[in-house]
Amino acid sequence: MPDNTPPVNAAPARDPYAAPSCVRGALGCAGVGLLALIITIAVLSWRSSQATDFPRAAPEAMADRAFQRSQEAYDVLGFERTVEPVDGEAGSGTDNSFSADYCYDNGPLGLEDSTVDGAYEMSHGWALDEVRASRAAAGLRRLHRHLKDEGWEVTTYREDDKGLDWRLSVRRDDGDERMSFAWYPDRGHFTGAATVPCAYAPEEESGDILSGYDLEPEPLGPSR
């Protein structure tokens, strides 16, 4: 009786219409890669639109918000002097003033650097002269602890480094809101700055976004 058992190593019959396995694998990988690319572009586009989704607010309101940040920090630092509104010279004397800047959009891929039409960023800066090391160190330590407890992210904290300025920098909301403080040992100069998130100017003020924003803050001193 003939033996009809097929050889053990016999290859299965090949479908003449089926694509080679290497081709099918390549097409599958290409499809997955294309899908990942589409998802990535969609996410980046969404993030770009969110990055310029600013509220509409008058400069006076945002300036007041920045001033309140400075006032809170000033109280924690424990300074007792009152600084009248003045636009001081950089690096010396006193300062208590507002400033405005443009807001920027880096685009969906983070490669652009263009201004956002109608948007502005408000900051408040202040400074004291003749600040002793003991007062600066104690104040910065208190403020460092206070801001951490309040949920701020500390990006820089440096004190008592010989020959270097003492610094404290914090941020929150992905850096949309920032504060920075510095003490310069060589001249006893202490500075602070608070920047609040970008906002769109009211429609009636949508001309030159930085013109007409010469606002004057209140005196900066110990809270009553």
C-alpha atoms as a PDB file:
ATOM      1  CA  MET A   1       0.000   0.000   0.000  1.00  0.00           C
ATOM      2  CA  PRO A   2       1.582   3.322  -1.065  1.00  0.00           C
ATOM      3  CA  ASP A   3       2.599   5.737   1.630  1.00  0.00           C
ATOM      4  CA  ASN A   4       0.707   9.072   1.037  1.00  0.00           C
ATOM      5  CA  THR A   5       1.970  10.827   4.192  1.00  0.00           C
ATOM      6  CA  PRO A   6       3.401  14.263   3.144  1.00  0.00           C
ATOM      7  CA  PRO A   7       6.945  15.046   4.132  1.00  0.00           C
ATOM      8  CA  VAL A   8       7.214  16.546   7.569  1.00  0.00           C
ATOM      9  CA  ASN A   9       9.111  19.615   6.308  1.00  0.00           C
ATOM     10  CA  ALA A  10       6.892  20.276   3.364  1.00  0.00           C
ATOM     11  CA  ALA A  11       6.122  24.018   2.930  1.00  0.00           C
ATOM     12  CA  PRO A  12       2.448  25.047   2.874  1.00  0.00           C
ATOM     13  CA  ALA A  13       0.981  26.016  -0.449  1.00  0.00           C
ATOM     14  CA  ARG A  14       1.561  29.705  -1.270  1.00  0.00           C
ATOM     15  CA  ASP A  15      -1.341  31.969  -2.192  1.00  0.00           C
ATOM     16  CA  PRO A  16      -0.294  33.563  -5.509  1.00  0.00           C
ATOM     17  CA  TYR A  17      -2.399  36.665  -4.750  1.00  0.00           C
ATOM     18  CA  ALA A  18      -1.068  37.342  -1.232  1.00  0.00           C
ATOM     19  CA  ALA A  19       1.524  40.091  -0.723  1.00  0.00           C
ATOM     20  CA  PRO A  20       4.870  38.970   0.620  1.00  0.00           C
ATOM     21  CA  SER A  21       5.068  39.111   4.409  1.00  0.00           C
ATOM     22  CA  CYS A  22       7.861  41.713   4.303  1.00  0.00           C
ATOM     23  CA  VAL A  23       5.670  43.994   2.186  1.00  0.00           C
ATOM     24  CA  ARG A  24       2.681  43.555   4.483  1.00  0.00           C
ATOM     25  CA  GLY A  25       4.873  44.380   7.489  1.00  0.00           C
ATOM     26  CA  ALA A  26       6.205  47.501   5.848  1.00  0.00           C
ATOM     27  CA  LEU A  27       2.727  48.713   4.948  1.00  0.00           C
ATOM     28  CA  GLY A  28       1.546  48.047   8.498  1.00  0.00           C
ATOM     29  CA  CYS A  29       4.452  49.967  10.011  1.00  0.00           C
ATOM     30  CA  ALA A  30       3.904  52.826   7.589  1.00  0.00           C
ATOM     31  CA  GLY A  31       0.242  53.011   8.588  1.00  0.00           C
ATOM     32  CA  VAL A  32       1.103  53.087  12.289  1.00  0.00           C
ATOM     33  CA  GLY A  33       3.771  55.720  11.690  1.00  0.00           C
ATOM     34  CA  LEU A  34       1.386  57.888   9.678  1.00  0.00           C
ATOM     35  CA  LEU A  35      -1.265  57.637  12.387  1.00  0.00           C
ATOM     36  CA  ALA A  36       1.277  58.635  15.055  1.00  0.00           C
ATOM     37  CA  LEU A  37       2.350  61.601  12.931  1.00  0.00           C
ATOM     38  CA  ILE A  38      -1.250  62.751  12.493  1.00  0.00           C
ATOM     39  CA  ILE A  39      -1.890  62.490  16.249  1.00  0.00           C
ATOM     40  CA  THR A  40       1.322  64.396  17.037  1.00  0.00           C
ATOM     41  CA  ILE A  41       0.418  67.218  14.640  1.00  0.00           C
ATOM     42  CA  ALA A  42      -3.088  67.409  16.103  1.00  0.00           C
ATOM     43  CA  VAL A  43      -1.756  67.606  19.671  1.00  0.00           C
ATOM     44  CA  LEU A  44       0.796  70.277  18.764  1.00  0.00           C
ATOM     45  CA  SER A  45      -1.846  72.322  16.951  1.00  0.00           C
ATOM     46  CA  TRP A  46      -4.143  72.080  19.975  1.00  0.00           C
ATOM     47  CA  ARG A  47      -1.341  73.177  22.293  1.00  0.00           C
ATOM     48  CA  SER A  48      -0.571  76.099  19.999  1.00  0.00           C
ATOM     49  CA  SER A  49      -4.183  77.262  20.089  1.00  0.00           C
ATOM     50  CA  GLN A  50      -4.225  76.912  23.887  1.00  0.00           C
ATOM     51  CA  ALA A  51      -0.986  78.897  24.181  1.00  0.00           C
ATOM     52  CA  THR A  52      -2.718  81.996  22.809  1.00  0.00           C
ATOM     53  CA  ASP A  53      -6.059  81.475  24.546  1.00  0.00           C
ATOM     54  CA  PHE A  54      -5.646  84.533  26.769  1.00  0.00           C
ATOM     55  CA  PRO A  55      -8.453  86.273  28.674  1.00  0.00           C
ATOM     56  CA  ARG A  56      -9.522  89.776  27.708  1.00  0.00           C
ATOM     57  CA  ALA A  57      -8.656  92.224  30.479  1.00  0.00           C
ATOM     58  CA  ALA A  58      -7.860  95.895  30.881  1.00  0.00           C
ATOM     59  CA  PRO A  59      -4.216  96.756  31.578  1.00  0.00           C
ATOM     60  CA  GLU A  60      -5.236  98.356  34.878  1.00  0.00           C
ATOM     61  CA  ALA A  61      -6.626  95.016  36.108  1.00  0.00           C
ATOM     62  CA  MET A  62      -3.511  93.051  35.174  1.00  0.00           C
ATOM     63  CA  ALA A  63      -1.247  95.747  36.594  1.00  0.00           C
ATOM     64  CA  ASP A  64      -3.095  95.582  39.893  1.00  0.00           C
ATOM     65  CA  ARG A  65      -2.683  91.794  39.924  1.00  0.00           C
ATOM     66  CA  ALA A  66       1.076  92.144  39.423  1.00  0.00           C
ATOM     67  CA  PHE A  67       1.280  94.778  42.156  1.00  0.00           C
ATOM     68  CA  GLN A  68      -0.548  92.518  44.616  1.00  0.00           C
ATOM     69  CA  ARG A  69       2.028  89.774  43.975  1.00  0.00           C
ATOM     70  CA  SER A  70       4.804  92.245  44.799  1.00  0.00           C
ATOM     71  CA  GLN A  71       2.970  93.501  47.876  1.00  0.00           C
ATOM     72  CA  GLU A  72       2.591  89.959  49.245  1.00  0.00           C
ATOM     73  CA  ALA A  73       6.286  89.252  48.710  1.00  0.00           C
ATOM     74  CA  TYR A  74       7.277  92.599  50.237  1.00  0.00           C
ATOM     75  CA  ASP A  75       5.343  91.796  53.410  1.00  0.00           C
ATOM     76  CA  VAL A  76       6.969  88.357  53.729  1.00  0.00           C
ATOM     77  CA  LEU A  77      10.423  89.853  53.184  1.00  0.00           C
ATOM     78  CA  GLY A  78       9.752  92.138  56.116  1.00  0.00           C
ATOM     79  CA  PHE A  79      10.932  95.434  54.687  1.00  0.00           C
ATOM     80  CA  GLU A  80       9.628  98.451  56.579  1.00  0.00           C
ATOM     81  CA  ARG A  81      10.343 101.276  54.155  1.00  0.00           C
ATOM     82  CA  THR A  82       7.720 102.661  51.792  1.00  0.00           C
ATOM     83  CA  VAL A  83       8.703 103.110  48.147  1.00  0.00           C
ATOM     84  CA  GLU A  84       6.837 105.835  46.303  1.00  0.00           C
ATOM     85  CA  PRO A  85       5.986 105.333  42.617  1.00  0.00           C
ATOM     86  CA  VAL A  86       9.193 105.961  40.694  1.00  0.00           C
ATOM     87  CA  ASP A  87      10.828 104.459  37.619  1.00  0.00           C
ATOM     88  CA  GLY A  88      14.293 103.896  39.040  1.00  0.00           C
ATOM     89  CA  GLU A  89      17.542 103.494  37.186  1.00  0.00           C
ATOM     90  CA  ALA A  90      18.721  99.926  36.760  1.00  0.00           C
ATOM     91  CA  GLY A  91      21.134  98.815  39.458  1.00  0.00           C
ATOM     92  CA  SER A  92      20.804 101.694  41.906  1.00  0.00           C
ATOM     93  CA  GLY A  93      18.312 103.664  43.962  1.00  0.00           C
ATOM     94  CA  THR A  94      14.679 102.701  44.447  1.00  0.00           C
ATOM     95  CA  ASP A  95      12.064 101.567  41.959  1.00  0.00           C
ATOM     96  CA  ASN A  96       8.295 101.047  41.982  1.00  0.00           C
ATOM     97  CA  SER A  97       6.884 100.941  38.472  1.00  0.00           C
ATOM     98  CA  PHE A  98       4.891  98.989  35.895  1.00  0.00           C
ATOM     99  CA  SER A  99       6.055  97.797  32.498  1.00  0.00           C
ATOM    100  CA  ALA A 100       4.312  96.052  29.602  1.00  0.00           C
ATOM    101  CA  ASP A 101       5.661  93.725  26.944  1.00  0.00           C
ATOM    102  CA  TYR A 102       4.406  91.823  23.919  1.00  0.00           C
ATOM    103  CA  CYS A 103       3.256  88.203  24.112  1.00  0.00           C
ATOM    104  CA  TYR A 104       4.796  85.645  21.795  1.00  0.00           C
ATOM    105  CA  ASP A 105       3.594  82.525  20.010  1.00  0.00           C
ATOM    106  CA  ASN A 106       6.149  79.821  19.253  1.00  0.00           C
ATOM    107  CA  GLY A 107       3.862  78.032  16.793  1.00  0.00           C
ATOM    108  CA  PRO A 108       2.754  74.372  16.787  1.00  0.00           C
ATOM    109  CA  LEU A 109       6.326  73.073  16.476  1.00  0.00           C
ATOM    110  CA  GLY A 110       7.879  75.587  18.864  1.00  0.00           C
ATOM    111  CA  LEU A 111      10.058  77.021  16.108  1.00  0.00           C
ATOM    112  CA  GLU A 112       8.386  80.394  15.611  1.00  0.00           C
ATOM    113  CA  ASP A 113       8.794  83.587  17.616  1.00  0.00           C
ATOM    114  CA  SER A 114       6.012  85.919  16.542  1.00  0.00           C
ATOM    115  CA  THR A 115       4.026  88.430  18.578  1.00  0.00           C
ATOM    116  CA  VAL A 116       0.359  87.789  19.289  1.00  0.00           C
ATOM    117  CA  ASP A 117      -1.810  90.584  17.932  1.00  0.00           C
ATOM    118  CA  GLY A 118      -3.668  92.464  20.640  1.00  0.00           C
ATOM    119  CA  ALA A 119      -2.003  90.656  23.565  1.00  0.00           C
ATOM    120  CA  TYR A 120       0.243  92.110  26.263  1.00  0.00           C
ATOM    121  CA  GLU A 121       2.094  90.986  29.410  1.00  0.00           C
ATOM    122  CA  MET A 122       2.168  93.230  32.482  1.00  0.00           C
ATOM    123  CA  SER A 123       4.927  93.332  35.109  1.00  0.00           C
ATOM    124  CA  HIS A 124       5.633  95.240  38.304  1.00  0.00           C
ATOM    125  CA  GLY A 125       9.169  95.944  39.409  1.00  0.00           C
ATOM    126  CA  TRP A 126      10.545  97.391  42.620  1.00  0.00           C
ATOM    127  CA  ALA A 127      13.898  97.986  44.292  1.00  0.00           C
ATOM    128  CA  LEU A 128      15.443  99.103  47.551  1.00  0.00           C
ATOM    129  CA  ASP A 129      18.918 100.436  48.225  1.00  0.00           C
ATOM    130  CA  GLU A 130      21.094 100.091  51.332  1.00  0.00           C
ATOM    131  CA  VAL A 131      19.780  96.641  52.297  1.00  0.00           C
ATOM    132  CA  ARG A 132      22.060  94.827  54.759  1.00  0.00           C
ATOM    133  CA  ALA A 133      23.085  91.193  54.268  1.00  0.00           C
ATOM    134  CA  SER A 134      21.348  90.040  57.449  1.00  0.00           C
ATOM    135  CA  ARG A 135      18.033  91.567  56.322  1.00  0.00           C
ATOM    136  CA  ALA A 136      18.357  90.203  52.776  1.00  0.00           C
ATOM    137  CA  ALA A 137      19.236  86.661  53.913  1.00  0.00           C
ATOM    138  CA  ALA A 138      16.465  86.380  56.508  1.00  0.00           C
ATOM    139  CA  GLY A 139      13.902  87.804  54.106  1.00  0.00           C
ATOM    140  CA  LEU A 140      14.841  85.548  51.198  1.00  0.00           C
ATOM    141  CA  ARG A 141      14.701  82.455  53.398  1.00  0.00           C
ATOM    142  CA  ARG A 142      11.218  83.347  54.631  1.00  0.00           C
ATOM    143  CA  LEU A 143      10.024  84.154  51.129  1.00  0.00           C
ATOM    144  CA  HIS A 144      11.504  80.934  49.748  1.00  0.00           C
ATOM    145  CA  ARG A 145       9.570  78.838  52.271  1.00  0.00           C
ATOM    146  CA  HIS A 146       6.395  80.884  51.839  1.00  0.00           C
ATOM    147  CA  LEU A 147       6.269  80.611  48.054  1.00  0.00           C
ATOM    148  CA  LYS A 148       6.953  76.864  48.134  1.00  0.00           C
ATOM    149  CA  ASP A 149       4.103  76.436  50.605  1.00  0.00           C
ATOM    150  CA  GLU A 150       1.869  78.483  48.292  1.00  0.00           C
ATOM    151  CA  GLY A 151       2.504  76.099  45.384  1.00  0.00           C
ATOM    152  CA  TRP A 152       5.049  78.085  43.393  1.00  0.00           C
ATOM    153  CA  GLU A 153       7.777  76.164  41.565  1.00  0.00           C
ATOM    154  CA  VAL A 154      11.220  77.369  42.635  1.00  0.00           C
ATOM    155  CA  THR A 155      13.462  77.600  39.570  1.00  0.00           C
ATOM    156  CA  THR A 156      16.423  79.390  41.196  1.00  0.00           C
ATOM    157  CA  TYR A 157      17.491  79.775  44.806  1.00  0.00           C
ATOM    158  CA  ARG A 158      20.969  80.956  45.656  1.00  0.00           C
ATOM    159  CA  GLU A 159      22.252  82.728  48.751  1.00  0.00           C
ATOM    160  CA  ASP A 160      25.517  83.329  50.570  1.00  0.00           C
ATOM    161  CA  ASP A 161      27.687  82.485  47.546  1.00  0.00           C
ATOM    162  CA  LYS A 162      30.881  84.502  47.734  1.00  0.00           C
ATOM    163  CA  GLY A 163      31.094  86.955  44.872  1.00  0.00           C
ATOM    164  CA  LEU A 164      27.675  86.024  43.468  1.00  0.00           C
ATOM    165  CA  ASP A 165      24.313  87.753  43.644  1.00  0.00           C
ATOM    166  CA  TRP A 166      21.669  86.178  45.879  1.00  0.00           C
ATOM    167  CA  ARG A 167      18.648  85.127  43.850  1.00  0.00           C
ATOM    168  CA  LEU A 168      15.193  83.586  44.129  1.00  0.00           C
ATOM    169  CA  SER A 169      13.029  82.867  41.075  1.00  0.00           C
ATOM    170  CA  VAL A 170       9.646  81.126  41.016  1.00  0.00           C
ATOM    171  CA  ARG A 171       6.918  80.373  38.525  1.00  0.00           C
ATOM    172  CA  ARG A 172       3.551  78.641  38.162  1.00  0.00           C
ATOM    173  CA  ASP A 173       0.956  77.882  35.484  1.00  0.00           C
ATOM    174  CA  ASP A 174       3.724  76.583  33.186  1.00  0.00           C
ATOM    175  CA  GLY A 175       5.653  79.801  33.590  1.00  0.00           C
ATOM    176  CA  ASP A 176       2.816  82.142  32.642  1.00  0.00           C
ATOM    177  CA  GLU A 177       3.154  83.776  36.060  1.00  0.00           C
ATOM    178  CA  ARG A 178       6.633  84.513  37.401  1.00  0.00           C
ATOM    179  CA  MET A 179       8.445  86.338  40.175  1.00  0.00           C
ATOM    180  CA  SER A 180      12.131  87.008  40.726  1.00  0.00           C
ATOM    181  CA  PHE A 181      14.171  88.586  43.507  1.00  0.00           C
ATOM    182  CA  ALA A 182      17.851  89.456  43.820  1.00  0.00           C
ATOM    183  CA  TRP A 183      20.233  91.042  46.299  1.00  0.00           C
ATOM    184  CA  TYR A 184      23.574  92.449  45.147  1.00  0.00           C
ATOM    185  CA  PRO A 185      26.147  92.260  47.966  1.00  0.00           C
ATOM    186  CA  ASP A 186      28.571  94.763  46.420  1.00  0.00           C
ATOM    187  CA  ARG A 187      26.069  97.621  46.652  1.00  0.00           C
ATOM    188  CA  GLY A 188      23.305  96.387  48.981  1.00  0.00           C
ATOM    189  CA  HIS A 189      20.692  96.666  46.254  1.00  0.00           C
ATOM    190  CA  PHE A 190      17.549  94.478  46.493  1.00  0.00           C
ATOM    191  CA  THR A 191      15.180  94.048  43.535  1.00  0.00           C
ATOM    192  CA  GLY A 192      11.891  92.276  42.938  1.00  0.00           C
ATOM    193  CA  ALA A 193       9.658  91.718  39.910  1.00  0.00           C
ATOM    194  CA  ALA A 194       6.283  90.074  39.333  1.00  0.00           C
ATOM    195  CA  THR A 195       4.930  89.171  35.887  1.00  0.00           C
ATOM    196  CA  VAL A 196       1.341  88.045  35.377  1.00  0.00           C
ATOM    197  CA  PRO A 197      -0.102  85.999  32.474  1.00  0.00           C
ATOM    198  CA  CYS A 198      -0.769  87.508  29.071  1.00  0.00           C
ATOM    199  CA  ALA A 199      -4.130  89.051  28.275  1.00  0.00           C
ATOM    200  CA  TYR A 200      -5.852  90.563  25.265  1.00  0.00           C
ATOM    201  CA  ALA A 201      -6.502  94.281  25.506  1.00  0.00           C
ATOM    202  CA  PRO A 202     -10.109  95.456  25.282  1.00  0.00           C
ATOM    203  CA  GLU A 203     -11.173  95.968  21.691  1.00  0.00           C
ATOM    204  CA  GLU A 204     -11.224  99.737  22.060  1.00  0.00           C
ATOM    205  CA  GLU A 205      -7.521  99.604  23.013  1.00  0.00           C
ATOM    206  CA  SER A 206      -6.333  97.305  20.259  1.00  0.00           C
ATOM    207  CA  GLY A 207      -4.027  99.820  18.567  1.00  0.00           C
ATOM    208  CA  ASP A 208      -0.390  99.991  19.648  1.00  0.00           C
ATOM    209  CA  ILE A 209      -0.663  97.495  22.464  1.00  0.00           C
ATOM    210  CA  LEU A 210       2.056  99.083  24.612  1.00  0.00           C
ATOM    211  CA  SER A 211       1.160 102.718  24.110  1.00  0.00           C
ATOM    212  CA  GLY A 212      -0.916 104.456  26.753  1.00  0.00           C
ATOM    213  CA  TYR A 213       0.005 101.899  29.418  1.00  0.00           C
ATOM    214  CA  ASP A 214       2.064 104.326  31.457  1.00  0.00           C
ATOM    215  CA  LEU A 215       0.311 103.320  34.656  1.00  0.00           C
ATOM    216  CA  GLU A 216       1.439 104.425  38.103  1.00  0.00           C
ATOM    217  CA  PRO A 217       1.378 101.962  41.029  1.00  0.00           C
ATOM    218  CA  GLU A 218       0.459 102.706  44.599  1.00  0.00           C
ATOM    219  CA  PRO A 219       3.238 103.244  47.158  1.00  0.00           C
ATOM    220  CA  LEU A 220       4.827  99.915  48.049  1.00  0.00           C
ATOM    221  CA  GLY A 221       5.307  99.409  51.775  1.00  0.00           C
ATOM    222  CA  PRO A 222       4.273  97.344  54.782  1.00  0.00           C
ATOM    223  CA  SER A 223       0.605  96.402  54.626  1.00  0.00           C
ATOM    224  CA  ARG A 224      -1.528  98.059  57.267  1.00  0.00           C
END
